[in-house]
């Protein structure tokens, strides 16, 4: 009769277990609300930000963004508020300036980055008057966007002296 193989002499079977996504929302990176009507550009930006560890909520127009923001801003669910909003200036329904005005009145602590294909002095003046942290002119380099996001998410007064993360 053959002797049973010891545990250490048996070949080990590798069991591949699927990686579980965190069900705890505060264990993922900060939430960024991305509002862009150009599907291709929105996917490109969202992919770059997700690679940096951010949780990105995508909206294709201002109406969808206001609906998503409504739970946090108007109904008092502040844990639903994004850490940052990135919005195109020209959008269907509500444009980027209207969203910026609503955020400025409701909760000024959420930084906003505006992107525009039609940069002029009036756009920059109005954006910064309403409290935008940055305005990027299309086409822009993804690295410029990543740097603007990093700076916007720094606590006030802490943007200098830090190191911008690289991929």
N, C-alpha and C. Protein backbone atom coordinates (compact mmCIF):
# COMPACT_ATOMS: atom_id res chain seq x y z
N UNK A 1 0.83 -1.17 0.00
CA UNK A 1 0.00 0.00 0.00
C UNK A 1 0.88 1.24 0.00
N UNK A 2 0.57 2.18 -0.88
CA UNK A 2 1.37 3.38 -0.99
C UNK A 2 1.04 4.35 0.13
N UNK A 3 2.07 5.00 0.56
CA UNK A 3 1.87 5.96 1.64
C UNK A 3 1.28 7.24 1.07
N UNK A 4 0.39 7.88 1.82
CA UNK A 4 -0.17 9.15 1.32
C UNK A 4 0.93 10.21 1.25
N UNK A 5 0.84 11.04 0.22
CA UNK A 5 1.83 12.11 0.05
C UNK A 5 1.63 13.15 1.13
N UNK A 6 2.74 13.64 1.62
CA UNK A 6 2.64 14.68 2.65
C UNK A 6 2.17 15.98 2.00
N UNK A 7 1.69 16.86 2.83
CA UNK A 7 1.19 18.14 2.34
C UNK A 7 2.29 18.89 1.60
N UNK A 8 3.50 18.82 2.11
CA UNK A 8 4.58 19.58 1.49
C UNK A 8 5.04 18.98 0.17
N UNK A 9 4.75 17.69 -0.07
CA UNK A 9 5.21 17.07 -1.30
C UNK A 9 4.18 17.17 -2.44
N UNK A 10 2.97 17.57 -2.12
CA UNK A 10 1.95 17.72 -3.17
C UNK A 10 2.17 18.99 -3.96
N UNK A 11 1.91 18.91 -5.25
CA UNK A 11 2.02 20.16 -6.02
C UNK A 11 0.94 21.15 -5.58
N UNK A 12 1.34 22.39 -5.51
CA UNK A 12 0.40 23.43 -5.08
C UNK A 12 -0.42 23.88 -6.28
N UNK A 13 -1.67 24.01 -6.06
CA UNK A 13 -2.54 24.53 -7.11
C UNK A 13 -2.73 26.02 -6.89
N UNK A 14 -2.54 26.73 -7.95
CA UNK A 14 -2.77 28.16 -7.87
C UNK A 14 -4.23 28.44 -8.17
N UNK A 15 -4.84 29.12 -7.28
CA UNK A 15 -6.24 29.48 -7.47
C UNK A 15 -6.29 30.96 -7.77
N UNK A 16 -6.78 31.28 -8.94
CA UNK A 16 -6.91 32.68 -9.31
C UNK A 16 -8.26 33.17 -8.82
N UNK A 17 -8.20 34.14 -7.98
CA UNK A 17 -9.42 34.72 -7.47
C UNK A 17 -9.61 36.07 -8.14
N UNK A 18 -10.84 36.40 -8.52
CA UNK A 18 -11.06 37.71 -9.14
C UNK A 18 -10.80 38.82 -8.13
N UNK A 19 -10.23 39.89 -8.62
CA UNK A 19 -9.98 41.04 -7.76
C UNK A 19 -11.30 41.70 -7.45
N UNK A 20 -11.51 41.97 -6.20
CA UNK A 20 -12.75 42.61 -5.80
C UNK A 20 -12.58 44.12 -5.82
N UNK A 21 -13.58 44.77 -6.37
CA UNK A 21 -13.59 46.22 -6.31
C UNK A 21 -13.99 46.64 -4.92
N UNK A 22 -13.43 47.71 -4.48
CA UNK A 22 -13.77 48.20 -3.16
C UNK A 22 -15.21 48.67 -3.15
N UNK A 23 -15.97 48.17 -2.21
CA UNK A 23 -17.34 48.60 -2.05
C UNK A 23 -17.44 49.80 -1.13
N UNK A 24 -16.33 50.18 -0.56
CA UNK A 24 -16.29 51.31 0.36
C UNK A 24 -15.84 52.53 -0.42
N UNK A 25 -16.75 53.50 -0.66
CA UNK A 25 -16.42 54.62 -1.54
C UNK A 25 -15.26 55.47 -1.07
N UNK A 26 -15.01 55.54 0.24
CA UNK A 26 -13.93 56.41 0.70
C UNK A 26 -12.56 55.75 0.56
N UNK A 27 -12.50 54.52 0.11
CA UNK A 27 -11.22 53.86 -0.11
C UNK A 27 -10.71 54.04 -1.52
N UNK A 28 -11.48 54.67 -2.37
CA UNK A 28 -11.00 54.97 -3.71
C UNK A 28 -10.54 56.42 -3.73
N UNK A 29 -9.98 56.84 -4.85
CA UNK A 29 -9.49 58.21 -4.95
C UNK A 29 -10.62 59.22 -4.94
N UNK A 30 -10.27 60.49 -4.90
CA UNK A 30 -11.29 61.54 -4.90
C UNK A 30 -12.18 61.44 -6.14
N UNK A 31 -13.43 61.85 -5.98
CA UNK A 31 -14.39 61.83 -7.08
C UNK A 31 -14.26 63.10 -7.90
N UNK A 32 -14.19 62.92 -9.20
CA UNK A 32 -14.16 64.05 -10.14
C UNK A 32 -15.39 63.94 -11.03
N UNK A 33 -16.16 65.02 -11.10
CA UNK A 33 -17.30 65.10 -12.01
C UNK A 33 -16.80 65.69 -13.32
N UNK A 34 -16.89 64.92 -14.39
CA UNK A 34 -16.41 65.33 -15.71
C UNK A 34 -17.62 65.59 -16.60
N UNK A 35 -17.75 66.82 -17.10
CA UNK A 35 -18.88 67.20 -17.93
C UNK A 35 -18.34 67.64 -19.29
N UNK A 36 -18.54 66.81 -20.28
CA UNK A 36 -18.04 67.07 -21.64
C UNK A 36 -18.99 66.41 -22.62
N UNK A 37 -19.43 67.17 -23.65
CA UNK A 37 -20.38 66.61 -24.61
C UNK A 37 -19.72 65.84 -25.74
N UNK A 38 -18.43 66.01 -25.95
CA UNK A 38 -17.70 65.26 -26.96
C UNK A 38 -17.33 63.89 -26.35
N UNK A 39 -17.98 62.84 -26.85
CA UNK A 39 -17.80 61.50 -26.27
C UNK A 39 -16.35 61.04 -26.27
N UNK A 40 -15.66 61.25 -27.38
CA UNK A 40 -14.27 60.79 -27.49
C UNK A 40 -13.36 61.51 -26.50
N UNK A 41 -13.49 62.82 -26.42
CA UNK A 41 -12.66 63.59 -25.49
C UNK A 41 -13.00 63.23 -24.04
N UNK A 42 -14.28 63.05 -23.75
CA UNK A 42 -14.69 62.68 -22.39
C UNK A 42 -14.08 61.34 -21.98
N UNK A 43 -14.10 60.37 -22.89
CA UNK A 43 -13.50 59.06 -22.59
C UNK A 43 -11.99 59.17 -22.39
N UNK A 44 -11.35 59.96 -23.21
CA UNK A 44 -9.90 60.16 -23.09
C UNK A 44 -9.54 60.76 -21.74
N UNK A 45 -10.24 61.82 -21.35
CA UNK A 45 -9.96 62.47 -20.07
C UNK A 45 -10.26 61.52 -18.91
N UNK A 46 -11.40 60.85 -18.98
CA UNK A 46 -11.79 59.94 -17.90
C UNK A 46 -10.78 58.81 -17.73
N UNK A 47 -10.31 58.27 -18.83
CA UNK A 47 -9.32 57.19 -18.77
C UNK A 47 -8.03 57.67 -18.11
N UNK A 48 -7.57 58.85 -18.50
CA UNK A 48 -6.33 59.40 -17.92
C UNK A 48 -6.49 59.63 -16.42
N UNK A 49 -7.63 60.15 -16.02
CA UNK A 49 -7.84 60.44 -14.59
C UNK A 49 -8.02 59.15 -13.79
N UNK A 50 -8.67 58.17 -14.37
CA UNK A 50 -8.82 56.88 -13.67
C UNK A 50 -7.48 56.20 -13.47
N UNK A 51 -6.60 56.35 -14.46
CA UNK A 51 -5.25 55.77 -14.31
C UNK A 51 -4.49 56.43 -13.17
N UNK A 52 -4.85 57.68 -12.87
CA UNK A 52 -4.22 58.38 -11.76
C UNK A 52 -4.88 58.05 -10.42
N UNK A 53 -5.91 57.21 -10.45
CA UNK A 53 -6.54 56.76 -9.22
C UNK A 53 -7.80 57.51 -8.81
N UNK A 54 -8.28 58.40 -9.65
CA UNK A 54 -9.49 59.15 -9.33
C UNK A 54 -10.74 58.35 -9.71
N UNK A 55 -11.81 58.59 -8.99
CA UNK A 55 -13.12 58.05 -9.35
C UNK A 55 -13.79 59.11 -10.22
N UNK A 56 -14.10 58.79 -11.47
CA UNK A 56 -14.62 59.77 -12.42
C UNK A 56 -16.08 59.47 -12.71
N UNK A 57 -16.92 60.48 -12.53
CA UNK A 57 -18.33 60.41 -12.90
C UNK A 57 -18.46 61.21 -14.19
N UNK A 58 -18.95 60.58 -15.24
CA UNK A 58 -19.04 61.22 -16.55
C UNK A 58 -20.47 61.68 -16.84
N UNK A 59 -20.59 62.92 -17.30
CA UNK A 59 -21.87 63.47 -17.75
C UNK A 59 -21.66 64.09 -19.13
N UNK A 60 -22.62 63.89 -20.03
CA UNK A 60 -22.47 64.40 -21.39
C UNK A 60 -23.13 65.76 -21.61
N UNK A 61 -23.85 66.26 -20.61
CA UNK A 61 -24.46 67.58 -20.75
C UNK A 61 -24.68 68.19 -19.37
N UNK A 62 -25.01 69.46 -19.36
CA UNK A 62 -25.20 70.17 -18.11
C UNK A 62 -26.39 69.70 -17.31
N UNK A 63 -27.44 69.26 -17.99
CA UNK A 63 -28.64 68.78 -17.30
C UNK A 63 -28.33 67.53 -16.47
N UNK A 64 -27.61 66.58 -17.06
CA UNK A 64 -27.23 65.37 -16.33
C UNK A 64 -26.32 65.71 -15.15
N UNK A 65 -25.45 66.69 -15.33
CA UNK A 65 -24.56 67.09 -14.24
C UNK A 65 -25.33 67.73 -13.10
N UNK A 66 -26.29 68.59 -13.42
CA UNK A 66 -27.11 69.22 -12.38
C UNK A 66 -27.92 68.16 -11.64
N UNK A 67 -28.44 67.17 -12.38
CA UNK A 67 -29.17 66.08 -11.73
C UNK A 67 -28.27 65.34 -10.76
N UNK A 68 -27.04 65.01 -11.18
CA UNK A 68 -26.13 64.27 -10.32
C UNK A 68 -25.71 65.13 -9.12
N UNK A 69 -25.44 66.40 -9.37
CA UNK A 69 -25.03 67.30 -8.29
C UNK A 69 -26.17 67.60 -7.33
N UNK A 70 -27.41 67.53 -7.81
CA UNK A 70 -28.56 67.91 -7.00
C UNK A 70 -28.63 67.19 -5.67
N UNK A 71 -28.31 65.90 -5.65
CA UNK A 71 -28.36 65.14 -4.40
C UNK A 71 -27.41 65.73 -3.35
N UNK A 72 -26.26 66.17 -3.80
CA UNK A 72 -25.29 66.69 -2.84
C UNK A 72 -25.53 68.14 -2.49
N UNK A 73 -25.79 68.97 -3.50
CA UNK A 73 -25.88 70.40 -3.29
C UNK A 73 -27.22 70.80 -2.67
N UNK A 74 -28.29 70.33 -3.27
CA UNK A 74 -29.60 70.82 -2.88
C UNK A 74 -30.28 69.97 -1.82
N UNK A 75 -29.90 68.70 -1.70
CA UNK A 75 -30.56 67.82 -0.74
C UNK A 75 -29.71 67.54 0.50
N UNK A 76 -28.52 68.11 0.55
CA UNK A 76 -27.70 68.00 1.75
C UNK A 76 -26.87 66.73 1.88
N UNK A 77 -26.75 65.92 0.82
CA UNK A 77 -25.92 64.73 0.88
C UNK A 77 -24.49 65.11 0.50
N UNK A 78 -23.77 65.71 1.42
CA UNK A 78 -22.47 66.28 1.10
C UNK A 78 -21.41 65.21 0.82
N UNK A 79 -21.65 63.97 1.24
CA UNK A 79 -20.70 62.92 0.90
C UNK A 79 -20.78 62.58 -0.58
N UNK A 80 -21.81 63.04 -1.27
CA UNK A 80 -21.99 62.80 -2.70
C UNK A 80 -21.29 63.86 -3.54
N UNK A 81 -20.85 64.94 -2.92
CA UNK A 81 -20.22 66.02 -3.68
C UNK A 81 -18.86 65.58 -4.23
N UNK A 82 -18.54 65.99 -5.44
CA UNK A 82 -17.23 65.65 -5.98
C UNK A 82 -16.13 66.49 -5.33
N UNK A 83 -14.92 66.00 -5.42
CA UNK A 83 -13.78 66.77 -4.94
C UNK A 83 -13.40 67.84 -5.96
N UNK A 84 -13.80 67.63 -7.22
CA UNK A 84 -13.44 68.53 -8.31
C UNK A 84 -14.45 68.37 -9.44
N UNK A 85 -14.72 69.47 -10.14
CA UNK A 85 -15.55 69.42 -11.34
C UNK A 85 -14.71 69.90 -12.51
N UNK A 86 -14.73 69.12 -13.59
CA UNK A 86 -14.10 69.54 -14.85
C UNK A 86 -15.24 69.66 -15.84
N UNK A 87 -15.41 70.85 -16.42
CA UNK A 87 -16.55 71.07 -17.29
C UNK A 87 -16.14 71.82 -18.55
N UNK A 88 -16.74 71.41 -19.65
CA UNK A 88 -16.63 72.17 -20.89
C UNK A 88 -17.45 73.45 -20.70
N UNK A 89 -17.09 74.51 -21.39
CA UNK A 89 -17.84 75.75 -21.28
C UNK A 89 -19.14 75.66 -22.08
N UNK A 90 -19.06 75.19 -23.31
CA UNK A 90 -20.26 75.10 -24.15
C UNK A 90 -20.84 73.70 -24.08
N UNK A 91 -22.01 73.60 -23.46
CA UNK A 91 -22.68 72.33 -23.25
C UNK A 91 -24.16 72.46 -23.59
N UNK A 92 -24.81 71.36 -23.94
CA UNK A 92 -26.26 71.41 -24.10
C UNK A 92 -26.93 71.64 -22.74
N UNK A 93 -28.05 72.31 -22.74
CA UNK A 93 -28.90 72.58 -21.57
C UNK A 93 -28.29 73.62 -20.65
N UNK A 94 -27.36 73.26 -19.79
CA UNK A 94 -26.69 74.22 -18.91
C UNK A 94 -25.24 74.28 -19.34
N UNK A 95 -24.71 75.49 -19.53
CA UNK A 95 -23.30 75.56 -19.92
C UNK A 95 -22.40 75.55 -18.69
N UNK A 96 -21.11 75.51 -18.95
CA UNK A 96 -20.12 75.43 -17.87
C UNK A 96 -20.18 76.61 -16.91
N UNK A 97 -20.51 77.80 -17.42
CA UNK A 97 -20.60 78.97 -16.55
C UNK A 97 -21.80 78.86 -15.60
N UNK A 98 -22.93 78.34 -16.08
CA UNK A 98 -24.09 78.17 -15.22
C UNK A 98 -23.81 77.15 -14.12
N UNK A 99 -23.10 76.10 -14.46
CA UNK A 99 -22.73 75.11 -13.45
C UNK A 99 -21.77 75.73 -12.44
N UNK A 100 -20.82 76.50 -12.93
CA UNK A 100 -19.86 77.17 -12.05
C UNK A 100 -20.58 78.15 -11.12
N UNK A 101 -21.55 78.90 -11.64
CA UNK A 101 -22.33 79.82 -10.80
C UNK A 101 -23.10 79.07 -9.73
N UNK A 102 -23.74 77.96 -10.10
CA UNK A 102 -24.51 77.17 -9.14
C UNK A 102 -23.60 76.64 -8.04
N UNK A 103 -22.43 76.15 -8.41
CA UNK A 103 -21.50 75.62 -7.42
C UNK A 103 -20.95 76.74 -6.54
N UNK A 104 -20.68 77.89 -7.14
CA UNK A 104 -20.12 79.00 -6.38
C UNK A 104 -21.12 79.47 -5.32
N UNK A 105 -22.40 79.47 -5.66
CA UNK A 105 -23.42 79.90 -4.71
C UNK A 105 -23.69 78.82 -3.66
N UNK A 106 -23.73 77.56 -4.08
CA UNK A 106 -24.11 76.48 -3.16
C UNK A 106 -22.96 76.01 -2.30
N UNK A 107 -21.81 75.80 -2.90
CA UNK A 107 -20.68 75.27 -2.16
C UNK A 107 -19.39 75.69 -2.85
N UNK A 108 -18.81 76.75 -2.36
CA UNK A 108 -17.64 77.32 -3.01
C UNK A 108 -16.37 76.49 -2.81
N UNK A 109 -16.41 75.48 -1.94
CA UNK A 109 -15.20 74.72 -1.66
C UNK A 109 -14.87 73.68 -2.74
N UNK A 110 -15.79 73.41 -3.65
CA UNK A 110 -15.52 72.44 -4.72
C UNK A 110 -14.85 73.20 -5.87
N UNK A 111 -13.59 72.87 -6.17
CA UNK A 111 -12.90 73.57 -7.26
C UNK A 111 -13.44 73.14 -8.62
N UNK A 112 -13.36 74.07 -9.57
CA UNK A 112 -13.84 73.82 -10.93
C UNK A 112 -12.75 74.16 -11.92
N UNK A 113 -12.53 73.26 -12.88
CA UNK A 113 -11.64 73.51 -14.01
C UNK A 113 -12.52 73.56 -15.25
N UNK A 114 -12.41 74.63 -16.02
CA UNK A 114 -13.18 74.75 -17.25
C UNK A 114 -12.28 74.45 -18.45
N UNK A 115 -12.87 73.81 -19.46
CA UNK A 115 -12.16 73.58 -20.72
C UNK A 115 -13.00 74.18 -21.84
N UNK A 116 -12.33 74.76 -22.82
CA UNK A 116 -13.06 75.45 -23.88
C UNK A 116 -12.31 75.36 -25.20
N UNK A 117 -13.08 75.27 -26.27
CA UNK A 117 -12.51 75.30 -27.61
C UNK A 117 -12.47 76.72 -28.16
N UNK A 118 -13.08 77.66 -27.43
CA UNK A 118 -13.16 79.04 -27.89
C UNK A 118 -12.61 79.98 -26.83
N UNK A 119 -11.28 79.91 -26.60
CA UNK A 119 -10.71 80.76 -25.56
C UNK A 119 -10.59 82.21 -26.04
N UNK A 120 -11.06 83.10 -25.23
CA UNK A 120 -10.84 84.52 -25.47
C UNK A 120 -10.80 85.21 -24.11
N UNK A 121 -10.49 86.50 -24.12
CA UNK A 121 -10.34 87.21 -22.85
C UNK A 121 -11.62 87.19 -22.02
N UNK A 122 -12.78 87.26 -22.67
CA UNK A 122 -14.05 87.26 -21.95
C UNK A 122 -14.28 85.93 -21.21
N UNK A 123 -13.93 84.81 -21.86
CA UNK A 123 -14.09 83.51 -21.21
C UNK A 123 -13.21 83.42 -19.98
N UNK A 124 -11.96 83.82 -20.10
CA UNK A 124 -11.04 83.77 -18.96
C UNK A 124 -11.50 84.72 -17.84
N UNK A 125 -11.90 85.93 -18.20
CA UNK A 125 -12.35 86.90 -17.20
C UNK A 125 -13.57 86.37 -16.44
N UNK A 126 -14.55 85.88 -17.18
CA UNK A 126 -15.77 85.39 -16.54
C UNK A 126 -15.49 84.14 -15.68
N UNK A 127 -14.66 83.25 -16.20
CA UNK A 127 -14.34 82.02 -15.46
C UNK A 127 -13.68 82.33 -14.13
N UNK A 128 -12.68 83.19 -14.14
CA UNK A 128 -11.96 83.48 -12.90
C UNK A 128 -12.78 84.35 -11.96
N UNK A 129 -13.65 85.20 -12.51
CA UNK A 129 -14.56 85.99 -11.68
C UNK A 129 -15.51 85.07 -10.91
N UNK A 130 -15.96 84.01 -11.57
CA UNK A 130 -16.88 83.06 -10.94
C UNK A 130 -16.17 82.03 -10.05
N UNK A 131 -14.85 82.05 -10.04
CA UNK A 131 -14.13 81.19 -9.11
C UNK A 131 -13.49 79.94 -9.69
N UNK A 132 -13.37 79.85 -11.01
CA UNK A 132 -12.71 78.69 -11.61
C UNK A 132 -11.25 78.67 -11.18
N UNK A 133 -10.73 77.47 -10.93
CA UNK A 133 -9.31 77.34 -10.55
C UNK A 133 -8.40 77.41 -11.76
N UNK A 134 -8.92 76.93 -12.91
CA UNK A 134 -8.10 76.88 -14.11
C UNK A 134 -9.00 76.86 -15.33
N UNK A 135 -8.47 77.35 -16.45
CA UNK A 135 -9.16 77.27 -17.74
C UNK A 135 -8.16 76.70 -18.73
N UNK A 136 -8.54 75.60 -19.38
CA UNK A 136 -7.68 74.98 -20.38
C UNK A 136 -8.30 75.15 -21.75
N UNK A 137 -7.49 75.56 -22.71
CA UNK A 137 -7.96 75.74 -24.08
C UNK A 137 -7.74 74.45 -24.87
N UNK A 138 -8.78 74.02 -25.57
CA UNK A 138 -8.68 72.84 -26.43
C UNK A 138 -7.93 73.22 -27.70
N UNK A 139 -7.16 72.38 -28.25
CA UNK A 139 -6.70 71.09 -27.72
C UNK A 139 -5.64 71.33 -26.66
N UNK A 140 -5.68 70.54 -25.61
CA UNK A 140 -4.71 70.66 -24.54
C UNK A 140 -4.02 69.32 -24.35
N UNK A 141 -2.86 69.37 -23.77
CA UNK A 141 -2.10 68.16 -23.48
C UNK A 141 -2.66 67.52 -22.21
N UNK A 142 -2.78 66.22 -22.20
CA UNK A 142 -3.33 65.51 -21.03
C UNK A 142 -2.47 65.78 -19.80
N UNK A 143 -1.17 65.94 -19.99
CA UNK A 143 -0.29 66.24 -18.85
C UNK A 143 -0.64 67.60 -18.23
N UNK A 144 -1.04 68.57 -19.07
CA UNK A 144 -1.47 69.86 -18.54
C UNK A 144 -2.74 69.71 -17.70
N UNK A 145 -3.65 68.87 -18.16
CA UNK A 145 -4.87 68.62 -17.40
C UNK A 145 -4.54 67.92 -16.08
N UNK A 146 -3.68 66.92 -16.13
CA UNK A 146 -3.30 66.20 -14.90
C UNK A 146 -2.67 67.16 -13.89
N UNK A 147 -1.83 68.07 -14.38
CA UNK A 147 -1.20 69.04 -13.49
C UNK A 147 -2.24 70.00 -12.90
N UNK A 148 -3.18 70.45 -13.73
CA UNK A 148 -4.24 71.35 -13.24
C UNK A 148 -5.11 70.66 -12.20
N UNK A 149 -5.40 69.37 -12.40
CA UNK A 149 -6.19 68.60 -11.44
C UNK A 149 -5.43 68.48 -10.13
N UNK A 150 -4.16 68.15 -10.22
CA UNK A 150 -3.34 68.00 -9.01
C UNK A 150 -3.30 69.30 -8.21
N UNK A 151 -3.10 70.42 -8.90
CA UNK A 151 -3.04 71.72 -8.22
C UNK A 151 -4.40 72.06 -7.63
N UNK A 152 -5.48 71.82 -8.38
CA UNK A 152 -6.82 72.16 -7.89
C UNK A 152 -7.21 71.36 -6.65
N UNK A 153 -6.71 70.15 -6.53
CA UNK A 153 -7.07 69.30 -5.40
C UNK A 153 -6.20 69.52 -4.16
N UNK A 154 -5.19 70.37 -4.29
CA UNK A 154 -4.35 70.67 -3.13
C UNK A 154 -5.11 71.58 -2.18
N UNK A 155 -4.94 71.40 -0.88
CA UNK A 155 -5.55 72.34 0.06
C UNK A 155 -5.05 73.75 -0.25
N UNK A 156 -5.88 74.72 -0.03
CA UNK A 156 -5.53 76.11 -0.34
C UNK A 156 -4.20 76.48 0.29
N UNK A 157 -3.33 77.04 -0.53
CA UNK A 157 -2.02 77.44 -0.06
C UNK A 157 -0.98 76.34 -0.07
N UNK A 158 -1.34 75.13 -0.47
CA UNK A 158 -0.41 74.01 -0.44
C UNK A 158 0.07 73.59 -1.83
N UNK A 159 -0.34 74.28 -2.87
CA UNK A 159 -0.01 73.85 -4.23
C UNK A 159 1.48 73.99 -4.54
N UNK A 160 2.16 74.92 -3.91
CA UNK A 160 3.57 75.11 -4.20
C UNK A 160 4.43 74.16 -3.37
N UNK A 161 5.53 73.79 -3.95
CA UNK A 161 6.49 72.98 -3.22
C UNK A 161 6.23 71.47 -3.31
N UNK A 162 5.09 71.10 -3.82
CA UNK A 162 4.80 69.68 -3.96
C UNK A 162 5.31 69.14 -5.28
N UNK A 163 5.19 67.86 -5.48
CA UNK A 163 5.64 67.24 -6.69
C UNK A 163 4.41 66.74 -7.45
N UNK A 164 4.31 67.09 -8.71
CA UNK A 164 3.20 66.63 -9.53
C UNK A 164 3.46 65.18 -9.89
N UNK A 165 2.50 64.30 -9.61
CA UNK A 165 2.72 62.87 -9.89
C UNK A 165 2.85 62.62 -11.39
N UNK A 166 3.67 61.66 -11.73
CA UNK A 166 3.84 61.29 -13.14
C UNK A 166 3.41 59.85 -13.31
N UNK A 167 3.04 59.52 -14.54
CA UNK A 167 2.56 58.16 -14.80
C UNK A 167 3.68 57.16 -14.83
